[in-house]
C-alpha cells in the first residue's frame, strides 16, 4: 500500500521564526515528528511518501501515487488541514486524519470529509486502522478509550522520509504527559498526568539514526515537560552525555520544562553536560493570584525571578511564555509582564492571549458558566495573536491593548538587543562545558544560502538600521568578554529579523479581530 503523509501548513506565528530560518538557508523550523512516527508504526512493507506543505506543495503526481492519504494536525493547522482534505477527496483519495486537533475535536467541521479518524495515541489506534483497511472497511473512527500506550515499544521515527536540509532543527521525543493540572492546558487532556517515557536506549537509537543521516546541529526534544518524570530523566542524561562525548558532540538540545527545574541543581548540571543549551518555561504571568486561579501552583512556590536566574546561571538559555486574559486579572498585567521580562533580561518572551482549548478544564468551566463565544472559523486557531474565545472578566479591548503594547515594547529593536546582551552576560557561570560553541552555529553556514543570510544579518543590523552601533558594541563586548556564548548571541540577534516584521503583524491582526469580536458580540447579544 502506498501512503501519502501530509503535514498541513502553519500560519505565521511567534515561533515560526520564518525570516530568521530563511536567512539560515532553511524553509521551516521543525519537521512533522508525529507523521514520521506514524510511518514507523505502520507496516514497513508499505511504501511512504511525506509532503510537508510548509516545505512544498502536494503535486498531481503525489495524489496519483497515493492509495491512502494520512494527515496529522495541531489546532493551529486546522484551516489548511481542511483544505488538504478537500484536495485529497477531489482526487478520489481516501483520507485518514489524526493528531492533537482531531483527538481533541473529533466532530469539528474541518474533519467532516475524512474517511477515517485515528484519534488519541497512534501506538494504540493505528493498528485499528490497519485492520480496518485489511478488512475493506471504507470508514471508521478509532479511539483508545482512555488507554495510554507504553512508549517503550515505540519504534524509531522514519527520519529518512524528511527533506532534512529544509529544517533548521530536528525533533525527537522522550516523554508524553505532565504531572501538573494547569486549567488552560490541553497536554494533560491528550496525554494524561502520569508522564510516560521511552528508555535511554530508545532515545539514543533515534539520535544514532539522525547521526547516520549526516545531520549535525540543533535538536528539539518536544516533550511538553521534559522533567515531568525526573527519575527517568536522570537515568537518561548520563547515558546521553556519554553518547555525545563518544560521537564528538554532534547535537545541541532545546526542550520545554516546568519551572521547578530551578530547584534541582543536579538535574540542570546533567542537562548542561548532555548538550542542552535552551529551555522553554511556561511562566505565564508574574501575578501570583492569576497563577493560583489557573491552577498553576508550581509557579507560586518560589520567586520566579530567582528561578530564571538559577537556570540561566547553569548555562541554559531561558525562553518563556506569558499569557494575558486570566480571570480576575487586574489592569496593568501587560506592563507587569514587561517589567518582569526586563528585570530577568529573558530575550525570547512569547506573549499571548488566553484561549480556552477544547476539553480543557478551562473550556469545561467556561461552558458551564455560558461564557464561551461562538467565534468564526479563523478566530480561534491557536495563534498567539488571537483574542479570547470567551467572555473575559475585564474588557477585551483593555486586554488587547495591553497585549499590543507589551509585544511592541518588548520587541522594539534596541530594547531587544539590550536584553540579548544583558542576558548573554548572565548565561552560565562556567562556560567550559560549551564544547559546541561557534561550531554548532557556523555549521549551518555550510548549507546553501546560509552564508548569504549571515552577511544579510550583518548588513541589516550592523549597517542599515539605526541600532547598528548598539549591535556592533554588544557583539564585540560578547566576543571579548563571553566568547563561549557568542553563538547564542548571534542566534538571538538573528531572530530579531523575524520580530521586526512580526511586531506589525501583531498590531494588525489584533485590531482586525477586535473589530470582528465587536460585531460577533453584538450579534450574540441581539440573539
Protein backbone atom coordinates (compact mmCIF):
# COMPACT_ATOMS: atom_id res chain seq x y z
CA UNK A 1 0.00 0.00 0.00
CA UNK A 2 1.24 3.50 -0.88
CA UNK A 3 0.77 6.01 1.94
CA UNK A 4 0.98 9.75 1.32
CA UNK A 5 1.69 11.55 4.61
CA UNK A 6 0.76 15.26 4.59
CA UNK A 7 1.64 17.91 7.15
CA UNK A 8 -0.66 20.96 6.66
CA UNK A 9 0.71 24.49 6.59
CA UNK A 10 1.22 26.50 9.75
CA UNK A 11 0.18 30.17 9.76
CA UNK A 12 2.79 32.72 10.67
CA UNK A 13 3.30 32.79 14.45
CA UNK A 14 5.76 33.99 17.07
CA UNK A 15 7.51 30.62 16.91
CA UNK A 16 7.73 30.28 13.13
CA UNK A 17 10.89 32.43 13.10
CA UNK A 18 10.37 32.39 9.34
CA UNK A 19 12.59 35.31 8.39
CA UNK A 20 15.48 34.06 10.52
CA UNK A 21 15.03 30.47 9.35
CA UNK A 22 15.09 31.60 5.73
CA UNK A 23 18.27 33.62 6.27
CA UNK A 24 19.98 30.48 7.57
CA UNK A 25 19.16 28.62 4.37
CA UNK A 26 16.16 26.60 5.61
CA UNK A 27 12.46 26.60 4.83
CA UNK A 28 10.90 25.80 8.21
CA UNK A 29 11.96 25.48 11.85
CA UNK A 30 10.87 21.92 12.72
CA UNK A 31 9.77 18.75 10.90
CA UNK A 32 6.49 16.84 11.48
CA UNK A 33 7.70 14.36 14.09
CA UNK A 34 4.20 12.93 14.53
CA UNK A 35 3.90 11.87 10.89
CA UNK A 36 7.30 10.17 10.71
CA UNK A 37 6.37 8.33 13.91
CA UNK A 38 3.12 7.25 12.23
CA UNK A 39 5.18 5.92 9.32
CA UNK A 40 7.29 3.87 11.72
CA UNK A 41 4.19 2.42 13.41
CA UNK A 42 2.56 1.26 10.17
CA UNK A 43 3.59 -1.95 8.33
CA UNK A 44 7.08 -1.46 6.98
CA UNK A 45 6.34 -3.34 3.77
CA UNK A 46 4.09 -0.41 2.80
CA UNK A 47 5.52 2.50 0.79
CA UNK A 48 5.64 6.00 2.24
CA UNK A 49 5.96 9.49 0.84
CA UNK A 50 5.95 12.57 3.05
CA UNK A 51 4.91 16.05 1.92
CA UNK A 52 5.40 18.87 4.41
CA UNK A 53 3.24 21.66 2.99
CA UNK A 54 5.44 24.13 4.85
CA UNK A 55 8.27 22.99 2.55
CA UNK A 56 6.48 22.27 -0.74
CA UNK A 57 3.00 21.76 -2.13
CA UNK A 58 1.43 18.38 -2.87
CA UNK A 59 1.77 17.66 -6.59
CA UNK A 60 -0.55 15.93 -9.01
CA UNK A 61 1.95 13.07 -9.12
CA UNK A 62 1.73 12.71 -5.32
CA UNK A 63 -2.07 12.42 -5.44
CA UNK A 64 -1.95 9.91 -8.29
CA UNK A 65 0.65 7.80 -6.45
CA UNK A 66 -1.28 7.50 -3.18
CA UNK A 67 -3.55 4.65 -2.12
CA UNK A 68 -4.30 6.41 1.18
CA UNK A 69 -3.66 9.94 2.44
CA UNK A 70 -2.84 10.36 6.14
CA UNK A 71 -2.83 13.82 7.71
CA UNK A 72 -1.95 14.94 11.23
CA UNK A 73 -2.50 18.44 12.55
CA UNK A 74 -2.46 20.68 15.58
CA UNK A 75 -5.21 23.20 16.27
CA UNK A 76 -3.15 25.94 14.66
CA UNK A 77 -3.11 23.98 11.37
CA UNK A 78 -6.83 23.31 11.11
CA UNK A 79 -7.59 25.67 8.22
CA UNK A 80 -5.02 24.14 5.88
CA UNK A 81 -5.93 20.67 7.16
CA UNK A 82 -9.46 21.19 5.86
CA UNK A 83 -8.05 22.45 2.55
CA UNK A 84 -5.77 19.44 2.11
CA UNK A 85 -8.60 17.02 2.94
CA UNK A 86 -10.74 18.69 0.25
CA UNK A 87 -7.93 18.40 -2.30
CA UNK A 88 -7.42 14.72 -1.47
CA UNK A 89 -11.13 13.95 -1.79
CA UNK A 90 -11.29 15.83 -5.10
CA UNK A 91 -8.55 13.49 -6.32
CA UNK A 92 -10.53 10.45 -5.18
CA UNK A 93 -8.10 9.57 -2.38
CA UNK A 94 -9.36 8.03 0.87
CA UNK A 95 -8.30 10.14 3.83
CA UNK A 96 -7.30 9.29 7.40
CA UNK A 97 -6.76 12.08 9.95
CA UNK A 98 -5.19 12.00 13.39
CA UNK A 99 -3.12 14.19 15.70
CA UNK A 100 -3.91 16.61 18.53
CA UNK A 101 -6.62 18.61 16.73
CA UNK A 102 -8.63 15.57 15.66
CA UNK A 103 -8.20 13.94 19.07
CA UNK A 104 -9.48 16.99 20.96
CA UNK A 105 -12.19 17.98 18.44
CA UNK A 106 -13.25 14.86 16.51
CA UNK A 107 -16.59 16.40 15.50
CA UNK A 108 -15.09 19.63 14.13
CA UNK A 109 -16.46 20.62 10.71
CA UNK A 110 -12.94 20.65 9.27
CA UNK A 111 -12.89 16.84 9.66
CA UNK A 112 -16.27 16.11 8.10
CA UNK A 113 -14.84 14.78 4.82
CA UNK A 114 -12.32 12.42 6.42
CA UNK A 115 -12.97 8.71 5.90
CA UNK A 116 -11.04 7.57 8.96
CA UNK A 117 -10.45 9.38 12.26
CA UNK A 118 -7.46 7.90 14.06
CA UNK A 119 -7.74 9.52 17.47
CA UNK A 120 -5.61 9.53 20.62
CA UNK A 121 -2.13 7.99 20.51
CA UNK A 122 -1.18 6.08 17.39
CA UNK A 123 0.53 3.19 19.14
CA UNK A 124 -2.98 2.02 20.09
CA UNK A 125 -5.22 3.29 17.28
CA UNK A 126 -3.07 2.85 14.15
CA UNK A 127 -3.29 -0.96 14.38
CA UNK A 128 -7.09 -0.49 14.35
CA UNK A 129 -6.78 1.49 11.11
CA UNK A 130 -4.57 -1.19 9.57
CA UNK A 131 -7.08 -3.90 10.47
CA UNK A 132 -9.95 -1.84 9.02
CA UNK A 133 -8.07 -1.34 5.77
CA UNK A 134 -7.22 -5.03 5.52
CA UNK A 135 -10.91 -5.87 6.05
CA UNK A 136 -12.00 -3.46 3.32
CA UNK A 137 -13.72 -1.12 5.78
CA UNK A 138 -14.36 2.19 3.98
CA UNK A 139 -14.85 4.38 7.07
CA UNK A 140 -14.08 4.32 10.77
CA UNK A 141 -13.40 6.18 13.98
CA UNK A 142 -10.76 4.61 16.18
CA UNK A 143 -10.18 5.64 19.79
CA UNK A 144 -8.06 4.36 22.64
CA UNK A 145 -10.90 4.59 25.17
CA UNK A 146 -8.70 6.30 27.74
CA UNK A 147 -5.85 3.79 27.43
CA UNK A 148 -2.31 5.19 27.23
CA UNK A 149 0.42 3.30 25.39
CA UNK A 150 3.70 2.10 26.80
CA UNK A 151 6.28 4.22 24.97
CA UNK A 152 8.99 1.62 25.41
CA UNK A 153 7.50 -0.15 22.38
CA UNK A 154 7.50 2.94 20.13
CA UNK A 155 9.83 2.43 17.13
CA UNK A 156 12.44 4.88 15.81
CA UNK A 157 10.67 7.50 13.66
CA UNK A 158 11.29 7.42 9.91
CA UNK A 159 13.71 10.35 9.77
CA UNK A 160 14.74 9.16 6.31
CA UNK A 161 11.44 10.45 4.90
CA UNK A 162 12.33 14.06 5.69
CA UNK A 163 13.89 16.61 3.36
CA UNK A 164 16.50 17.23 6.05
CA UNK A 165 18.05 20.37 4.60
CA UNK A 166 14.67 22.13 4.77
CA UNK A 167 14.71 22.21 8.59
CA UNK A 168 16.61 24.46 10.97
CA UNK A 169 16.21 21.89 13.77
CA UNK A 170 15.22 18.24 14.02
CA UNK A 171 12.91 16.84 16.70
CA UNK A 172 12.76 13.81 18.97
CA UNK A 173 10.53 12.88 21.90
CA UNK A 174 11.39 11.20 25.19
CA UNK A 175 8.16 11.57 27.19
CA UNK A 176 4.45 12.33 26.99
CA UNK A 177 2.24 13.75 29.73
CA UNK A 178 2.69 16.19 32.59
CA UNK A 179 2.10 15.78 36.35
CA UNK A 180 0.57 19.23 36.82
CA UNK A 181 -3.02 20.32 36.25
CA UNK A 182 -2.96 23.84 34.80
CA UNK A 183 -6.55 24.72 33.98
CA UNK A 184 -5.86 26.05 30.47
CA UNK A 185 -3.50 23.29 29.27
CA UNK A 186 -4.60 20.53 26.88
CA UNK A 187 -1.49 18.36 27.33
CA UNK A 188 -2.96 16.51 30.29
CA UNK A 189 -6.20 16.05 28.30
CA UNK A 190 -4.35 14.50 25.36
CA UNK A 191 -1.58 12.59 27.15
CA UNK A 192 -2.51 12.33 30.81
CA UNK A 193 -0.99 13.41 34.12
CA UNK A 194 1.31 10.42 34.50
CA UNK A 195 4.39 11.12 32.38
CA UNK A 196 5.43 8.11 30.31
CA UNK A 197 8.92 7.84 28.85
CA UNK A 198 10.96 5.88 26.39
CA UNK A 199 14.09 4.10 27.58
CA UNK A 200 17.50 5.78 27.29
CA UNK A 201 18.46 3.20 24.64
CA UNK A 202 15.43 4.17 22.55
CA UNK A 203 16.32 7.84 22.52
CA UNK A 204 19.96 7.09 21.75
CA UNK A 205 18.84 4.88 18.86
CA UNK A 206 16.85 7.82 17.47
CA UNK A 207 19.86 10.10 17.76
CA UNK A 208 22.01 7.46 16.10
CA UNK A 209 19.55 7.29 13.20
CA UNK A 210 19.77 11.06 12.78
CA UNK A 211 23.56 10.99 13.01
CA UNK A 212 23.74 8.31 10.29
CA UNK A 213 21.77 10.65 8.03
CA UNK A 214 24.65 13.15 8.50
CA UNK A 215 22.57 15.67 10.42
CA UNK A 216 24.52 17.86 12.84
CA UNK A 217 23.29 20.77 14.93
CA UNK A 218 20.14 21.59 16.91
CA UNK A 219 17.59 19.03 18.09
CA UNK A 220 14.38 19.90 19.91
CA UNK A 221 13.12 17.42 22.50
CA UNK A 222 9.45 18.18 22.00
CA UNK A 223 8.32 16.86 25.40
CA UNK A 224 5.81 19.30 26.84
CA UNK A 225 7.53 18.87 30.20
CA UNK A 226 10.87 17.12 29.76
CA UNK A 227 11.35 16.83 33.54
CA UNK A 228 7.84 15.53 34.28
CA UNK A 229 9.40 12.21 35.32
CA UNK A 230 12.65 13.34 36.93
CA UNK A 231 13.75 9.85 37.90
CA UNK A 232 13.68 8.63 34.30
CA UNK A 233 15.30 11.82 33.04
CA UNK A 234 18.18 11.36 35.47
CA UNK A 235 18.63 7.85 34.09
CA UNK A 236 18.70 9.19 30.54
CA UNK A 237 21.06 12.13 30.90
CA UNK A 238 24.29 10.32 31.94
CA UNK A 239 23.85 7.92 29.02
CA UNK A 240 23.16 10.85 26.70
CA UNK A 241 26.25 12.73 27.93
CA UNK A 242 28.42 9.66 27.32
CA UNK A 243 26.95 9.17 23.85
CA UNK A 244 27.54 12.81 22.98
CA UNK A 245 31.15 12.57 24.14
CA UNK A 246 31.77 9.34 22.22
CA UNK A 247 30.47 10.91 19.00
CA UNK A 248 32.23 14.29 19.32
CA UNK A 249 29.12 16.17 20.44
CA UNK A 250 27.09 16.16 17.21
CA UNK A 251 23.98 17.79 18.71
CA UNK A 252 22.80 20.64 20.91
CA UNK A 253 19.40 20.29 22.57
CA UNK A 254 16.43 22.53 23.30
CA UNK A 255 13.40 21.42 25.31
CA UNK A 256 10.45 22.53 27.46
CA UNK A 257 10.26 22.15 31.23
CA UNK A 258 8.36 23.27 34.30
CA UNK A 259 9.95 25.98 36.40
CA UNK A 260 10.72 23.58 39.27
CA UNK A 261 13.78 22.69 37.19
CA UNK A 262 15.42 25.57 39.09
CA UNK A 263 15.10 23.62 42.35
CA UNK A 264 17.22 20.70 41.11
CA UNK A 265 20.85 21.72 40.59
CA UNK A 266 21.89 18.15 39.86
CA UNK A 267 19.34 17.90 37.05
CA UNK A 268 20.40 21.21 35.50
CA UNK A 269 24.03 20.16 35.60
CA UNK A 270 23.22 16.83 33.95
CA UNK A 271 21.29 18.63 31.21
CA UNK A 272 24.15 21.03 30.62
CA UNK A 273 26.71 18.23 30.38
CA UNK A 274 24.47 16.38 27.91
CA UNK A 275 24.45 19.30 25.47
CA UNK A 276 21.26 21.16 26.43
CA UNK A 277 21.53 24.83 25.50
CA UNK A 278 17.98 26.17 25.81
CA UNK A 279 14.79 25.51 27.75
CA UNK A 280 11.31 26.95 27.37
CA UNK A 281 9.40 27.74 30.57
CA UNK A 282 5.69 28.47 30.85
CA UNK A 283 5.94 31.35 33.30
CA UNK A 284 2.53 32.71 32.16
CA UNK A 285 2.36 35.76 34.46
CA UNK A 286 4.18 37.32 37.42
CA UNK A 287 0.76 37.82 39.08
CA UNK A 288 0.51 35.14 41.74
CA UNK A 289 -3.27 35.45 42.04
CA UNK A 290 -3.69 34.68 38.32
CA UNK A 291 -1.36 31.69 38.61
CA UNK A 292 -3.36 30.34 41.55
CA UNK A 293 -6.70 30.82 39.78
CA UNK A 294 -5.37 28.89 36.77
CA UNK A 295 -4.12 26.02 38.99
CA UNK A 296 -0.51 26.78 38.02
CA UNK A 297 0.56 26.35 41.63
CA UNK A 298 4.05 25.08 40.75
CA UNK A 299 4.91 28.63 39.66
CA UNK A 300 3.95 30.10 43.03
CA UNK A 301 6.24 28.00 45.23
CA UNK A 302 9.42 30.05 44.76
CA UNK A 303 10.22 33.51 43.39
CA UNK A 304 10.03 33.44 39.59
CA UNK A 305 12.96 35.81 39.02
CA UNK A 306 15.21 33.71 41.23
CA UNK A 307 14.18 30.58 39.35
CA UNK A 308 15.01 32.14 35.98
CA UNK A 309 18.38 33.35 37.29
CA UNK A 310 19.21 29.91 38.71
CA UNK A 311 18.53 28.18 35.39
CA UNK A 312 20.41 30.88 33.45
CA UNK A 313 23.41 30.58 35.76
CA UNK A 314 23.66 26.90 34.85
CA UNK A 315 24.14 27.82 31.20
CA UNK A 316 20.61 27.04 29.99
CA UNK A 317 19.14 29.87 27.93
CA UNK A 318 15.60 30.51 29.17
CA UNK A 319 12.79 31.17 26.70
CA UNK A 320 9.46 31.92 28.33
CA UNK A 321 5.75 32.12 27.61
CA UNK A 322 3.37 34.69 29.10
CA UNK A 323 -0.43 34.95 28.93
CA UNK A 324 -2.89 37.81 29.28
CA UNK A 325 -6.59 37.39 29.99
CA UNK A 326 -6.84 35.26 33.15
CA UNK A 327 -9.99 35.57 35.24
CA UNK A 328 -9.59 38.17 37.95
CA UNK A 329 -6.61 39.74 36.17
CA UNK A 330 -6.03 43.33 37.29
CA UNK A 331 -5.33 46.25 34.92
CA UNK A 332 -1.66 46.71 34.09
CA UNK A 333 -0.96 42.98 33.66
CA UNK A 334 0.80 43.68 30.37
CA UNK A 335 3.11 46.22 31.97
CA UNK A 336 3.90 43.80 34.79
CA UNK A 337 4.96 41.24 32.18
CA UNK A 338 7.18 43.87 30.51
CA UNK A 339 8.76 44.72 33.86
CA UNK A 340 9.40 41.06 34.65
CA UNK A 341 10.96 40.36 31.26
CA UNK A 342 13.20 43.41 31.52
CA UNK A 343 14.32 42.52 35.04
CA UNK A 344 15.10 38.95 34.07
CA UNK A 345 16.53 40.02 30.66
CA UNK A 346 14.87 36.99 29.01
CA UNK A 347 15.29 37.76 25.29
CA UNK A 348 12.66 35.39 23.88
CA UNK A 349 9.44 36.15 25.73
CA UNK A 350 6.33 34.94 23.91
CA UNK A 351 3.29 36.93 24.99
CA UNK A 352 -0.11 35.54 24.04
CA UNK A 353 -3.77 35.94 24.91
CA UNK A 354 -5.61 33.21 26.79
CA UNK A 355 -7.84 30.86 24.81
CA UNK A 356 -9.99 28.02 26.09
CA UNK A 357 -8.70 24.96 24.25
CA UNK A 358 -11.20 22.16 23.57
CA UNK A 359 -11.97 19.86 26.50
CA UNK A 360 -9.55 21.50 28.92
CA UNK A 361 -10.69 22.22 32.47
CA UNK A 362 -10.92 25.89 31.49
CA UNK A 363 -13.11 25.07 28.49
CA UNK A 364 -15.48 22.95 30.60
CA UNK A 365 -15.73 25.62 33.32
CA UNK A 366 -16.46 28.40 30.86
CA UNK A 367 -19.01 26.23 29.11
CA UNK A 368 -20.81 25.69 32.43
CA UNK A 369 -20.70 29.44 33.02
CA UNK A 370 -22.07 30.09 29.49
CA UNK A 371 -19.06 32.25 28.65
CA UNK A 372 -17.71 30.50 25.55
CA UNK A 373 -18.07 32.52 22.36
CA UNK A 374 -19.19 31.02 19.07
CA UNK A 375 -16.32 32.55 17.18
CA UNK A 376 -15.69 32.47 13.48
CA UNK A 377 -13.68 29.63 11.96
CA UNK A 378 -10.40 31.54 11.69
CA UNK A 379 -10.71 33.29 15.06
CA UNK A 380 -9.54 30.61 17.49
CA UNK A 381 -6.85 28.81 15.52
CA UNK A 382 -4.37 28.80 18.38
CA UNK A 383 -2.14 31.58 17.01
CA UNK A 384 -0.63 33.78 19.74
CA UNK A 385 -2.23 36.89 18.22
CA UNK A 386 -5.77 35.53 18.51
CA UNK A 387 -8.08 37.08 21.09
CA UNK A 388 -10.01 35.26 23.76
CA UNK A 389 -12.72 32.85 22.63
CA UNK A 390 -14.73 33.53 25.80
CA UNK A 391 -16.11 36.49 27.71
CA UNK A 392 -13.28 37.69 29.97
CA UNK A 393 -13.60 39.20 33.42
CA UNK A 394 -12.38 42.59 32.19
CA UNK A 395 -12.93 44.41 28.89
CA UNK A 396 -11.45 42.60 25.92
CA UNK A 397 -10.31 45.94 24.48
CA UNK A 398 -8.15 46.54 27.56
CA UNK A 399 -6.57 43.09 27.29
CA UNK A 400 -5.90 43.54 23.57
CA UNK A 401 -4.40 47.00 24.11
CA UNK A 402 -2.06 45.72 26.83
CA UNK A 403 -1.04 42.81 24.61
CA UNK A 404 -0.16 45.06 21.67
CA UNK A 405 1.75 47.46 23.92
CA UNK A 406 3.66 44.64 25.62
CA UNK A 407 4.72 42.97 22.39
CA UNK A 408 5.57 46.28 20.73
CA UNK A 409 7.78 47.38 23.61
CA UNK A 410 9.48 44.03 24.21
CA UNK A 411 10.49 43.73 20.57
CA UNK A 412 11.44 47.32 19.91
CA UNK A 413 14.82 46.61 18.22
CA UNK A 414 17.09 48.49 20.63
CA UNK A 415 15.33 47.09 23.71
CA UNK A 416 15.52 43.57 22.32
CA UNK A 417 19.25 43.89 21.55
CA UNK A 418 19.85 45.28 25.03
CA UNK A 419 18.14 42.24 26.59
CA UNK A 420 20.11 39.89 24.36
CA UNK A 421 23.39 41.39 25.55
CA UNK A 422 22.41 41.62 29.22
CA UNK A 423 21.24 38.02 29.16
CA UNK A 424 24.46 36.90 27.48
CA UNK A 425 26.44 38.37 30.39
CA UNK A 426 24.47 36.17 32.82
CA UNK A 427 24.35 32.96 30.79
CA UNK A 428 26.33 30.33 32.67
CA UNK A 429 28.80 30.89 35.48
CA UNK A 430 31.13 28.29 33.95
CA UNK A 431 31.13 28.07 30.18
CA UNK A 432 33.78 25.35 29.89
CA UNK A 433 31.04 22.86 29.02
CA UNK A 434 30.12 24.75 25.85
CA UNK A 435 32.08 22.43 23.58
CA UNK A 436 29.94 23.17 20.53
CA UNK A 437 30.14 26.95 20.81
CA UNK A 438 30.54 28.51 17.36
CA UNK A 439 30.97 25.10 15.74
CA UNK A 440 27.23 24.47 16.18
CA UNK A 441 26.15 27.87 14.89
CA UNK A 442 28.51 28.23 11.96
CA UNK A 443 27.93 24.63 10.95
CA UNK A 444 24.69 25.97 9.48
CA UNK A 445 26.72 28.19 7.16
CA UNK A 446 27.66 25.13 5.10
CA UNK A 447 24.07 24.97 3.92
CA UNK A 448 23.17 26.68 0.63
CA UNK A 449 22.30 30.33 1.13
CA UNK A 450 23.19 30.44 4.82
CA UNK A 451 26.40 32.43 4.42
CA UNK A 452 24.48 34.99 2.39
CA UNK A 453 21.94 35.06 5.21
CA UNK A 454 24.59 35.88 7.80
CA UNK A 455 26.02 38.60 5.58
CA UNK A 456 22.48 39.94 5.30
CA UNK A 457 22.25 39.96 9.10
CA UNK A 458 25.45 41.97 9.45
CA UNK A 459 24.39 44.34 6.67
CA UNK A 460 20.91 44.93 8.10
CA UNK A 461 21.73 45.12 11.79
CA UNK A 462 25.30 46.38 11.51
CA UNK A 463 24.96 48.94 8.71
CA UNK A 464 21.43 49.88 7.61
CA UNK A 465 19.47 50.20 10.84
CA UNK A 466 19.62 52.95 13.47
CA UNK A 467 20.53 50.30 16.07
CA UNK A 468 23.79 49.46 14.23
CA UNK A 469 26.12 50.99 16.85
CA UNK A 470 24.43 49.02 19.61
CA UNK A 471 24.65 45.85 17.55
CA UNK A 472 28.41 46.17 16.96
CA UNK A 473 29.06 47.25 20.55
CA UNK A 474 27.19 44.31 22.03
CA UNK A 475 28.67 41.87 19.51
CA UNK A 476 32.25 42.96 20.25
CA UNK A 477 31.69 43.01 24.02
CA UNK A 478 30.27 39.49 23.88
CA UNK A 479 33.13 38.26 21.68
CA UNK A 480 35.70 39.69 24.11
CA UNK A 481 34.02 39.03 27.45
CA UNK A 482 31.95 35.89 26.82
CA UNK A 483 33.24 34.23 23.62
CA UNK A 484 31.67 30.90 24.51
CA UNK A 485 28.18 32.35 24.30
CA UNK A 486 28.80 34.17 21.04
CA UNK A 487 26.83 31.53 19.13
CA UNK A 488 23.82 32.17 21.37
CA UNK A 489 24.19 35.94 20.94
CA UNK A 490 24.25 35.63 17.15
CA UNK A 491 21.29 33.24 17.16
CA UNK A 492 19.22 35.65 19.25
CA UNK A 493 20.29 38.62 17.13
CA UNK A 494 19.25 36.74 14.01
CA UNK A 495 15.77 36.20 15.46
CA UNK A 496 15.39 39.98 15.57
CA UNK A 497 14.89 39.78 11.80
CA UNK A 498 11.68 37.85 12.47
CA UNK A 499 10.44 40.09 15.29
CA UNK A 500 10.98 43.27 13.29
CA UNK A 501 8.29 42.14 10.87
CA UNK A 502 6.12 40.30 13.38
CA UNK A 503 5.53 43.41 15.51
CA UNK A 504 3.41 44.92 12.75
CA UNK A 505 1.64 41.59 12.19
CA UNK A 506 0.60 41.51 15.86
CA UNK A 507 -0.87 45.01 15.77
CA UNK A 508 -2.76 44.46 12.52
CA UNK A 509 -4.19 41.05 13.39
CA UNK A 510 -5.33 42.03 16.88
CA UNK A 511 -7.01 45.20 15.64
CA UNK A 512 -8.78 43.23 12.89
CA UNK A 513 -10.06 40.73 15.44
CA UNK A 514 -11.21 43.44 17.81
CA UNK A 515 -13.48 44.75 15.08
CA UNK A 516 -14.67 41.22 14.33
CA UNK A 517 -15.28 40.43 18.00
CA UNK A 518 -17.36 43.59 18.47
CA UNK A 519 -19.57 42.51 15.58
CA UNK A 520 -19.80 38.96 16.97
CA UNK A 521 -20.67 40.13 20.48
CA UNK A 522 -23.38 42.47 19.16
CA UNK A 523 -24.88 39.57 17.20
CA UNK A 524 -24.87 37.27 20.25
CA UNK A 525 -26.41 39.92 22.49
CA UNK A 526 -29.12 40.55 19.89
CA UNK A 527 -29.82 36.82 19.66
